Amino acid sequence: MDPLSIARYGMMSAQQELARSADRVVQNGPDQDHGSEMIAQLEAKTQFAISAKIVAFDAAMWRALLTLQR
């Protein structure tokens, strides 16, 4: 797999986990363990951010390679 595919999968996975966590909070209301859901949402946020950094790094590598070819 190439880095962009891995990053895309990571972003999609993080987005889905955030949506699932938000759904659990809405469905269970006050009975929900909000602490564990906050942790799940922070983990999803971190996963998305790391995947975005992979995309940015990949773009920077391609720019550097194109600059070297000139």
C-alpha atoms as a PDB file:
ATOM      1  CA  MET A   1       0.000   0.000   0.000  1.00  0.00           C
ATOM      2  CA  ASP A   2       1.110   3.511  -0.675  1.00  0.00           C
ATOM      3  CA  PRO A   3       1.186   6.179   2.069  1.00  0.00           C
ATOM      4  CA  LEU A   4      -1.850   8.020   0.718  1.00  0.00           C
ATOM      5  CA  SER A   5      -3.992   4.886   0.834  1.00  0.00           C
ATOM      6  CA  ILE A   6      -2.911   4.214   4.401  1.00  0.00           C
ATOM      7  CA  ALA A   7      -3.604   7.818   5.397  1.00  0.00           C
ATOM      8  CA  ARG A   8      -6.994   7.787   3.666  1.00  0.00           C
ATOM      9  CA  TYR A   9      -7.947   4.597   5.505  1.00  0.00           C
ATOM     10  CA  GLY A  10      -6.826   6.159   8.801  1.00  0.00           C
ATOM     11  CA  MET A  11      -8.915   9.275   8.179  1.00  0.00           C
ATOM     12  CA  MET A  12     -11.988   7.263   7.225  1.00  0.00           C
ATOM     13  CA  SER A  13     -11.573   5.006  10.256  1.00  0.00           C
ATOM     14  CA  ALA A  14     -11.215   7.997  12.587  1.00  0.00           C
ATOM     15  CA  GLN A  15     -14.280   9.655  11.092  1.00  0.00           C
ATOM     16  CA  GLN A  16     -16.347   6.514  11.552  1.00  0.00           C
ATOM     17  CA  GLU A  17     -15.218   6.051  15.158  1.00  0.00           C
ATOM     18  CA  LEU A  18     -16.063   9.662  15.969  1.00  0.00           C
ATOM     19  CA  ALA A  19     -19.538   9.208  14.470  1.00  0.00           C
ATOM     20  CA  ARG A  20     -20.104   5.963  16.403  1.00  0.00           C
ATOM     21  CA  SER A  21     -19.032   7.606  19.653  1.00  0.00           C
ATOM     22  CA  ALA A  22     -21.298  10.601  19.055  1.00  0.00           C
ATOM     23  CA  ASP A  23     -24.199   8.252  18.327  1.00  0.00           C
ATOM     24  CA  ARG A  24     -23.592   6.378  21.579  1.00  0.00           C
ATOM     25  CA  VAL A  25     -23.620   9.639  23.536  1.00  0.00           C
ATOM     26  CA  VAL A  26     -26.879  10.756  21.918  1.00  0.00           C
ATOM     27  CA  GLN A  27     -28.631   7.391  22.269  1.00  0.00           C
ATOM     28  CA  ASN A  28     -27.697   6.676  25.867  1.00  0.00           C
ATOM     29  CA  GLY A  29     -27.986  10.226  27.189  1.00  0.00           C
ATOM     30  CA  PRO A  30     -27.213  10.689  30.876  1.00  0.00           C
ATOM     31  CA  ASP A  31     -26.634   6.955  31.445  1.00  0.00           C
ATOM     32  CA  GLN A  32     -23.642   6.995  29.081  1.00  0.00           C
ATOM     33  CA  ASP A  33     -20.081   6.903  30.414  1.00  0.00           C
ATOM     34  CA  HIS A  34     -19.071  10.275  29.002  1.00  0.00           C
ATOM     35  CA  GLY A  35     -15.471   9.872  30.106  1.00  0.00           C
ATOM     36  CA  SER A  36     -14.862   6.828  27.934  1.00  0.00           C
ATOM     37  CA  GLU A  37     -16.621   8.493  25.011  1.00  0.00           C
ATOM     38  CA  MET A  38     -14.449  11.590  25.398  1.00  0.00           C
ATOM     39  CA  ILE A  39     -11.377   9.355  25.269  1.00  0.00           C
ATOM     40  CA  ALA A  40     -12.707   7.599  22.155  1.00  0.00           C
ATOM     41  CA  GLN A  41     -13.320  10.959  20.496  1.00  0.00           C
ATOM     42  CA  LEU A  42      -9.848  12.240  21.396  1.00  0.00           C
ATOM     43  CA  GLU A  43      -8.315   9.056  19.991  1.00  0.00           C
ATOM     44  CA  ALA A  44     -10.271   9.538  16.758  1.00  0.00           C
ATOM     45  CA  LYS A  45      -9.122  13.168  16.579  1.00  0.00           C
ATOM     46  CA  THR A  46      -5.494  12.142  17.077  1.00  0.00           C
ATOM     47  CA  GLN A  47      -5.758   9.376  14.480  1.00  0.00           C
ATOM     48  CA  PHE A  48      -7.222  11.815  11.959  1.00  0.00           C
ATOM     49  CA  ALA A  49      -4.517  14.415  12.669  1.00  0.00           C
ATOM     50  CA  ILE A  50      -1.707  11.887  12.260  1.00  0.00           C
ATOM     51  CA  SER A  51      -3.193  10.661   8.994  1.00  0.00           C
ATOM     52  CA  ALA A  52      -3.412  14.262   7.764  1.00  0.00           C
ATOM     53  CA  LYS A  53       0.280  14.714   8.593  1.00  0.00           C
ATOM     54  CA  ILE A  54       1.073  11.646   6.491  1.00  0.00           C
ATOM     55  CA  VAL A  55      -0.760  13.245   3.568  1.00  0.00           C
ATOM     56  CA  ALA A  56       1.167  16.495   4.046  1.00  0.00           C
ATOM     57  CA  PHE A  57       4.477  14.642   4.298  1.00  0.00           C
ATOM     58  CA  ASP A  58       3.717  12.659   1.147  1.00  0.00           C
ATOM     59  CA  ALA A  59       2.910  15.870  -0.734  1.00  0.00           C
ATOM     60  CA  ALA A  60       6.155  17.444   0.483  1.00  0.00           C
ATOM     61  CA  MET A  61       8.132  14.406  -0.698  1.00  0.00           C
ATOM     62  CA  TRP A  62       6.560  14.627  -4.157  1.00  0.00           C
ATOM     63  CA  ARG A  63       7.331  18.367  -4.355  1.00  0.00           C
ATOM     64  CA  ALA A  64      10.949  17.674  -3.398  1.00  0.00           C
ATOM     65  CA  LEU A  65      11.257  14.941  -6.023  1.00  0.00           C
ATOM     66  CA  LEU A  66       9.782  17.159  -8.695  1.00  0.00           C
ATOM     67  CA  THR A  67      12.168  19.952  -7.730  1.00  0.00           C
ATOM     68  CA  LEU A  68      15.133  17.577  -8.049  1.00  0.00           C
ATOM     69  CA  GLN A  69      14.060  16.555 -11.539  1.00  0.00           C
ATOM     70  CA  ARG A  70      14.206  20.125 -12.846  1.00  0.00           C
END
